Every structure is written in structure tokens, then in C-alpha cells.
Amino acid sequence: MTREEIKDVILEIIEDIDEDAEFDNLDADAPLRDQLDLDSMDFLDIVMELRKRYQLQIPEDEYPELASLTSCVNYLEPKLKDA
């Protein structure tokens, strides 16, 4: 998967969780939870969806790696390179 495809997947998952999510002014380097109406359960839903779609195991101590859109892509890129 390319970086752009990974970004699209993350945004698609967020949109599935929160249909009202606005991405127009999204800062890729700022924490997603601060910009979107995501709570801790929503965040876990994102992790669970990544697990379901791509059989990814994301340890809880690595959750901070998924804070921003850029950090999500950076974290997931090597894990999804063959997806």
C-alpha cells in the first residue's frame, strides 16, 4: 500500500465511525482526537477495524503512534507494505 492509500483507509475508517467527520481543515500532524469528535471508544474502533481488515496486531503501548494522520501513516506503512 502507498502512503496515500493508507491515509485514505484511515479516513474511511474514521468516516465509518463518525459520519459527520469533517476532513476539510484536517491538520495531518495534529492529534486526530483534538480535531475530530473521537473518544477513546472511537479510537479503539479504529484499531479493531485495522485488525479486522489487515490482520494487524497493534499493541496497546503503540497506540500513541496512531495519534495523528501522519503518525498513523508512518506507523502503518511498513506493516501494510504488502497489503
C-alpha atoms as a PDB file:
ATOM      1  CA  MET A   1       0.000   0.000   0.000  1.00  0.00           C
ATOM      2  CA  THR A   2       1.141   3.502  -0.726  1.00  0.00           C
ATOM      3  CA  ARG A   3       1.156   6.274   1.849  1.00  0.00           C
ATOM      4  CA  GLU A   4      -1.828   7.860   0.093  1.00  0.00           C
ATOM      5  CA  GLU A   5      -3.786   4.576   0.184  1.00  0.00           C
ATOM      6  CA  ILE A   6      -3.063   4.184   3.899  1.00  0.00           C
ATOM      7  CA  LYS A   7      -4.239   7.750   4.523  1.00  0.00           C
ATOM      8  CA  ASP A   8      -7.436   7.053   2.575  1.00  0.00           C
ATOM      9  CA  VAL A   9      -8.070   3.876   4.593  1.00  0.00           C
ATOM     10  CA  ILE A  10      -7.663   5.743   7.899  1.00  0.00           C
ATOM     11  CA  LEU A  11     -10.048   8.498   6.783  1.00  0.00           C
ATOM     12  CA  GLU A  12     -12.527   5.908   5.507  1.00  0.00           C
ATOM     13  CA  ILE A  13     -12.496   4.091   8.855  1.00  0.00           C
ATOM     14  CA  ILE A  14     -12.979   7.376  10.725  1.00  0.00           C
ATOM     15  CA  GLU A  15     -15.859   8.306   8.433  1.00  0.00           C
ATOM     16  CA  ASP A  16     -17.488   4.913   9.093  1.00  0.00           C
ATOM     17  CA  ILE A  17     -17.241   5.583  12.831  1.00  0.00           C
ATOM     18  CA  ASP A  18     -18.296   9.248  12.650  1.00  0.00           C
ATOM     19  CA  GLU A  19     -20.396  10.069   9.590  1.00  0.00           C
ATOM     20  CA  ASP A  20     -20.231  13.781  10.453  1.00  0.00           C
ATOM     21  CA  ALA A  21     -16.415  13.915  10.484  1.00  0.00           C
ATOM     22  CA  GLU A  22     -15.099  16.968   8.647  1.00  0.00           C
ATOM     23  CA  PHE A  23     -11.758  16.479   6.906  1.00  0.00           C
ATOM     24  CA  ASP A  24     -11.610  19.816   5.023  1.00  0.00           C
ATOM     25  CA  ASN A  25      -9.388  21.556   7.589  1.00  0.00           C
ATOM     26  CA  LEU A  26      -7.686  18.467   8.977  1.00  0.00           C
ATOM     27  CA  ASP A  27      -4.081  19.053  10.015  1.00  0.00           C
ATOM     28  CA  ALA A  28      -2.290  15.776   9.279  1.00  0.00           C
ATOM     29  CA  ASP A  29       0.264  16.474  12.021  1.00  0.00           C
ATOM     30  CA  ALA A  30      -2.164  17.362  14.821  1.00  0.00           C
ATOM     31  CA  PRO A  31      -3.811  14.763  17.052  1.00  0.00           C
ATOM     32  CA  LEU A  32      -6.930  13.358  15.406  1.00  0.00           C
ATOM     33  CA  ARG A  33      -8.848  13.260  18.693  1.00  0.00           C
ATOM     34  CA  ASP A  34      -8.332  17.005  19.140  1.00  0.00           C
ATOM     35  CA  GLN A  35      -9.640  17.784  15.661  1.00  0.00           C
ATOM     36  CA  LEU A  36     -12.453  15.285  15.274  1.00  0.00           C
ATOM     37  CA  ASP A  37     -15.154  14.224  17.662  1.00  0.00           C
ATOM     38  CA  LEU A  38     -13.407  10.965  18.596  1.00  0.00           C
ATOM     39  CA  ASP A  39     -13.447   9.487  22.060  1.00  0.00           C
ATOM     40  CA  SER A  40     -11.430   6.566  23.389  1.00  0.00           C
ATOM     41  CA  MET A  41     -14.024   4.037  22.199  1.00  0.00           C
ATOM     42  CA  ASP A  42     -13.880   5.505  18.690  1.00  0.00           C
ATOM     43  CA  PHE A  43     -10.113   5.190  18.773  1.00  0.00           C
ATOM     44  CA  LEU A  44     -10.405   1.528  19.783  1.00  0.00           C
ATOM     45  CA  ASP A  45     -12.874   1.029  16.934  1.00  0.00           C
ATOM     46  CA  ILE A  46     -10.209   2.317  14.529  1.00  0.00           C
ATOM     47  CA  VAL A  47      -7.669  -0.140  15.953  1.00  0.00           C
ATOM     48  CA  MET A  48     -10.186  -3.008  15.777  1.00  0.00           C
ATOM     49  CA  GLU A  49     -11.072  -2.186  12.170  1.00  0.00           C
ATOM     50  CA  LEU A  50      -7.391  -2.203  11.196  1.00  0.00           C
ATOM     51  CA  ARG A  51      -7.096  -5.592  12.895  1.00  0.00           C
ATOM     52  CA  LYS A  52     -10.146  -6.923  11.079  1.00  0.00           C
ATOM     53  CA  ARG A  53      -9.202  -5.619   7.620  1.00  0.00           C
ATOM     54  CA  TYR A  54      -5.478  -6.297   7.650  1.00  0.00           C
ATOM     55  CA  GLN A  55      -4.916  -8.803  10.497  1.00  0.00           C
ATOM     56  CA  LEU A  56      -2.761  -6.214  12.257  1.00  0.00           C
ATOM     57  CA  GLN A  57      -1.926  -6.635  15.889  1.00  0.00           C
ATOM     58  CA  ILE A  58      -1.307  -3.220  17.399  1.00  0.00           C
ATOM     59  CA  PRO A  59      -0.031  -3.445  20.978  1.00  0.00           C
ATOM     60  CA  GLU A  60      -1.635  -1.014  23.397  1.00  0.00           C
ATOM     61  CA  ASP A  61       1.708   0.592  24.184  1.00  0.00           C
ATOM     62  CA  GLU A  62       1.965   1.560  20.488  1.00  0.00           C
ATOM     63  CA  TYR A  63      -1.423   3.324  20.341  1.00  0.00           C
ATOM     64  CA  PRO A  64       0.262   6.754  20.685  1.00  0.00           C
ATOM     65  CA  GLU A  65       1.830   6.065  17.264  1.00  0.00           C
ATOM     66  CA  LEU A  66      -1.691   6.476  15.831  1.00  0.00           C
ATOM     67  CA  ALA A  67      -2.340   9.935  17.280  1.00  0.00           C
ATOM     68  CA  SER A  68      -2.182  11.985  14.071  1.00  0.00           C
ATOM     69  CA  LEU A  69      -2.867  11.125  10.462  1.00  0.00           C
ATOM     70  CA  THR A  70       0.831  11.463   9.610  1.00  0.00           C
ATOM     71  CA  SER A  71       1.926   9.279  12.523  1.00  0.00           C
ATOM     72  CA  CYS A  72      -0.705   6.671  11.543  1.00  0.00           C
ATOM     73  CA  VAL A  73       0.678   6.516   8.019  1.00  0.00           C
ATOM     74  CA  ASN A  74       4.271   6.376   9.292  1.00  0.00           C
ATOM     75  CA  TYR A  75       3.402   3.573  11.705  1.00  0.00           C
ATOM     76  CA  LEU A  76       1.283   1.548   9.289  1.00  0.00           C
ATOM     77  CA  GLU A  77       3.372   1.925   6.130  1.00  0.00           C
ATOM     78  CA  PRO A  78       5.913  -0.825   6.905  1.00  0.00           C
ATOM     79  CA  LYS A  79       3.145  -3.077   8.280  1.00  0.00           C
ATOM     80  CA  LEU A  80       0.973  -2.692   5.179  1.00  0.00           C
ATOM     81  CA  LYS A  81       3.666  -2.580   2.507  1.00  0.00           C
ATOM     82  CA  ASP A  82       2.479  -5.902   1.076  1.00  0.00           C
ATOM     83  CA  ALA A  83      -1.238  -5.327   1.601  1.00  0.00           C
END
